[in-house]
């Protein structure tokens, strides 16, 4: 399995100035999950998956539950899906989560 460097390249496809330390922390947090092929990607076409990301990663990890409505958070998730549309149906979880944190100003929470 690749280290965080492979994912840094994937993140920098969308954010040329991505912070390597943040990507490394995110990689370490998700390392076990991304070993499973299905869990390593985000299926933007599945509303239930986006809701799970909203309720888990966004609210619990990024702390968005107090300052953002569910609709606002879903808007960010859908924006990132659109931003990554060239990646096909499933978006890799590490760049996806990085961009969500970037767009919500919560990279420091990772």
C-alpha atoms as a PDB file:
ATOM      1  CA  UNK A   1       0.000   0.000   0.000  1.00  0.00           C
ATOM      2  CA  UNK A   2       1.209   3.471  -0.837  1.00  0.00           C
ATOM      3  CA  UNK A   3       2.148   6.009   1.770  1.00  0.00           C
ATOM      4  CA  UNK A   4       0.756   9.479   2.189  1.00  0.00           C
ATOM      5  CA  UNK A   5       2.920  10.773  -0.681  1.00  0.00           C
ATOM      6  CA  UNK A   6       0.680   9.133  -3.294  1.00  0.00           C
ATOM      7  CA  UNK A   7      -2.328  10.855  -1.787  1.00  0.00           C
ATOM      8  CA  UNK A   8      -0.511  14.168  -1.556  1.00  0.00           C
ATOM      9  CA  UNK A   9      -0.200  14.062  -5.351  1.00  0.00           C
ATOM     10  CA  UNK A  10      -3.931  13.326  -5.649  1.00  0.00           C
ATOM     11  CA  UNK A  11      -4.800  16.233  -3.337  1.00  0.00           C
ATOM     12  CA  UNK A  12      -2.451  18.591  -5.173  1.00  0.00           C
ATOM     13  CA  UNK A  13      -4.381  17.888  -8.363  1.00  0.00           C
ATOM     14  CA  UNK A  14      -7.059  20.096  -6.772  1.00  0.00           C
ATOM     15  CA  UNK A  15      -4.997  22.247  -4.409  1.00  0.00           C
ATOM     16  CA  UNK A  16      -1.457  22.847  -5.629  1.00  0.00           C
ATOM     17  CA  UNK A  17      -0.480  24.303  -2.256  1.00  0.00           C
ATOM     18  CA  UNK A  18      -1.852  21.441  -0.156  1.00  0.00           C
ATOM     19  CA  UNK A  19      -0.114  21.068   3.186  1.00  0.00           C
ATOM     20  CA  UNK A  20       1.784  17.771   3.309  1.00  0.00           C
ATOM     21  CA  UNK A  21       1.457  17.520   7.090  1.00  0.00           C
ATOM     22  CA  UNK A  22      -2.336  17.801   6.872  1.00  0.00           C
ATOM     23  CA  UNK A  23      -2.482  15.148   4.142  1.00  0.00           C
ATOM     24  CA  UNK A  24      -0.260  12.890   6.246  1.00  0.00           C
ATOM     25  CA  UNK A  25      -2.550  13.295   9.279  1.00  0.00           C
ATOM     26  CA  UNK A  26      -5.592  12.549   7.142  1.00  0.00           C
ATOM     27  CA  UNK A  27      -3.853   9.511   5.652  1.00  0.00           C
ATOM     28  CA  UNK A  28      -2.996   8.210   9.132  1.00  0.00           C
ATOM     29  CA  UNK A  29      -6.597   8.750  10.268  1.00  0.00           C
ATOM     30  CA  UNK A  30      -8.032   6.884   7.268  1.00  0.00           C
ATOM     31  CA  UNK A  31      -5.273   4.323   6.686  1.00  0.00           C
ATOM     32  CA  UNK A  32      -7.331   1.315   7.792  1.00  0.00           C
ATOM     33  CA  UNK A  33     -10.469   2.384   5.946  1.00  0.00           C
ATOM     34  CA  UNK A  34      -8.720   2.987   2.649  1.00  0.00           C
ATOM     35  CA  UNK A  35      -7.318  -0.539   2.633  1.00  0.00           C
ATOM     36  CA  UNK A  36     -10.810  -1.651   1.649  1.00  0.00           C
ATOM     37  CA  UNK A  37     -11.405  -0.799  -1.999  1.00  0.00           C
ATOM     38  CA  UNK A  38     -15.041   0.130  -1.472  1.00  0.00           C
ATOM     39  CA  UNK A  39     -14.337   2.237   1.604  1.00  0.00           C
ATOM     40  CA  UNK A  40     -11.449   4.052  -0.091  1.00  0.00           C
ATOM     41  CA  UNK A  41     -13.804   6.003  -2.321  1.00  0.00           C
ATOM     42  CA  UNK A  42     -16.810   8.268  -1.948  1.00  0.00           C
ATOM     43  CA  UNK A  43     -19.823   7.526  -4.150  1.00  0.00           C
ATOM     44  CA  UNK A  44     -21.229  10.986  -4.746  1.00  0.00           C
ATOM     45  CA  UNK A  45     -24.340   9.558  -6.367  1.00  0.00           C
ATOM     46  CA  UNK A  46     -25.385   7.892  -3.096  1.00  0.00           C
ATOM     47  CA  UNK A  47     -27.168  10.393  -0.886  1.00  0.00           C
ATOM     48  CA  UNK A  48     -26.934   8.024   2.076  1.00  0.00           C
ATOM     49  CA  UNK A  49     -23.134   8.007   1.826  1.00  0.00           C
ATOM     50  CA  UNK A  50     -22.994  11.801   1.740  1.00  0.00           C
ATOM     51  CA  UNK A  51     -25.285  11.901   4.770  1.00  0.00           C
ATOM     52  CA  UNK A  52     -22.936   9.514   6.585  1.00  0.00           C
ATOM     53  CA  UNK A  53     -19.975  11.764   5.753  1.00  0.00           C
ATOM     54  CA  UNK A  54     -21.966  14.805   6.912  1.00  0.00           C
ATOM     55  CA  UNK A  55     -22.960  13.208  10.211  1.00  0.00           C
ATOM     56  CA  UNK A  56     -19.620  11.524  10.900  1.00  0.00           C
ATOM     57  CA  UNK A  57     -16.635  13.278   9.387  1.00  0.00           C
ATOM     58  CA  UNK A  58     -18.102  16.765   9.035  1.00  0.00           C
ATOM     59  CA  UNK A  59     -19.916  17.023  12.339  1.00  0.00           C
ATOM     60  CA  UNK A  60     -17.728  14.899  14.582  1.00  0.00           C
ATOM     61  CA  UNK A  61     -14.248  15.424  13.145  1.00  0.00           C
ATOM     62  CA  UNK A  62     -14.573  18.916  11.685  1.00  0.00           C
ATOM     63  CA  UNK A  63     -17.031  20.175  14.321  1.00  0.00           C
ATOM     64  CA  UNK A  64     -19.498  21.613  11.812  1.00  0.00           C
ATOM     65  CA  UNK A  65     -22.647  20.688  13.734  1.00  0.00           C
ATOM     66  CA  UNK A  66     -22.792  23.873  15.763  1.00  0.00           C
ATOM     67  CA  UNK A  67     -22.208  26.452  13.026  1.00  0.00           C
ATOM     68  CA  UNK A  68     -23.657  24.892   9.881  1.00  0.00           C
ATOM     69  CA  UNK A  69     -27.049  23.460   8.951  1.00  0.00           C
ATOM     70  CA  UNK A  70     -27.340  20.016   7.416  1.00  0.00           C
ATOM     71  CA  UNK A  71     -28.213  21.662   4.087  1.00  0.00           C
ATOM     72  CA  UNK A  72     -25.112  23.873   4.201  1.00  0.00           C
ATOM     73  CA  UNK A  73     -22.883  20.882   4.879  1.00  0.00           C
ATOM     74  CA  UNK A  74     -24.537  18.875   2.091  1.00  0.00           C
ATOM     75  CA  UNK A  75     -23.940  21.839  -0.209  1.00  0.00           C
ATOM     76  CA  UNK A  76     -20.211  21.661   0.508  1.00  0.00           C
ATOM     77  CA  UNK A  77     -20.176  17.894  -0.057  1.00  0.00           C
ATOM     78  CA  UNK A  78     -21.962  18.307  -3.381  1.00  0.00           C
ATOM     79  CA  UNK A  79     -19.588  21.137  -4.357  1.00  0.00           C
ATOM     80  CA  UNK A  80     -16.602  18.858  -3.769  1.00  0.00           C
ATOM     81  CA  UNK A  81     -18.304  16.112  -5.794  1.00  0.00           C
ATOM     82  CA  UNK A  82     -18.654  18.575  -8.660  1.00  0.00           C
ATOM     83  CA  UNK A  83     -15.069  19.764  -8.260  1.00  0.00           C
ATOM     84  CA  UNK A  84     -13.839  16.159  -8.498  1.00  0.00           C
ATOM     85  CA  UNK A  85     -16.213  15.086 -11.308  1.00  0.00           C
ATOM     86  CA  UNK A  86     -13.324  14.310 -13.663  1.00  0.00           C
ATOM     87  CA  UNK A  87     -12.331  11.452 -11.329  1.00  0.00           C
ATOM     88  CA  UNK A  88     -15.368   9.454 -12.455  1.00  0.00           C
ATOM     89  CA  UNK A  89     -18.143   8.003 -10.326  1.00  0.00           C
ATOM     90  CA  UNK A  90     -16.181   7.380  -7.160  1.00  0.00           C
ATOM     91  CA  UNK A  91     -13.858   9.954  -5.637  1.00  0.00           C
ATOM     92  CA  UNK A  92     -10.902   8.897  -3.519  1.00  0.00           C
ATOM     93  CA  UNK A  93     -11.672   9.535   0.147  1.00  0.00           C
ATOM     94  CA  UNK A  94      -8.452  11.366   1.134  1.00  0.00           C
ATOM     95  CA  UNK A  95      -8.611  14.172  -1.471  1.00  0.00           C
ATOM     96  CA  UNK A  96     -12.379  14.358  -0.977  1.00  0.00           C
ATOM     97  CA  UNK A  97     -12.099  14.824   2.787  1.00  0.00           C
ATOM     98  CA  UNK A  98      -9.199  17.256   2.385  1.00  0.00           C
ATOM     99  CA  UNK A  99     -11.253  19.445   0.036  1.00  0.00           C
ATOM    100  CA  UNK A 100     -14.262  19.341   2.356  1.00  0.00           C
ATOM    101  CA  UNK A 101     -12.073  20.541   5.221  1.00  0.00           C
ATOM    102  CA  UNK A 102     -10.495  23.203   3.013  1.00  0.00           C
ATOM    103  CA  UNK A 103     -13.846  24.541   1.812  1.00  0.00           C
ATOM    104  CA  UNK A 104     -15.172  24.706   5.374  1.00  0.00           C
ATOM    105  CA  UNK A 105     -12.032  26.345   6.777  1.00  0.00           C
ATOM    106  CA  UNK A 106     -11.370  23.425   9.107  1.00  0.00           C
ATOM    107  CA  UNK A 107      -8.059  21.984   7.878  1.00  0.00           C
ATOM    108  CA  UNK A 108      -6.700  22.679  11.363  1.00  0.00           C
ATOM    109  CA  UNK A 109      -9.148  20.089  12.766  1.00  0.00           C
ATOM    110  CA  UNK A 110      -7.402  17.281  10.900  1.00  0.00           C
END
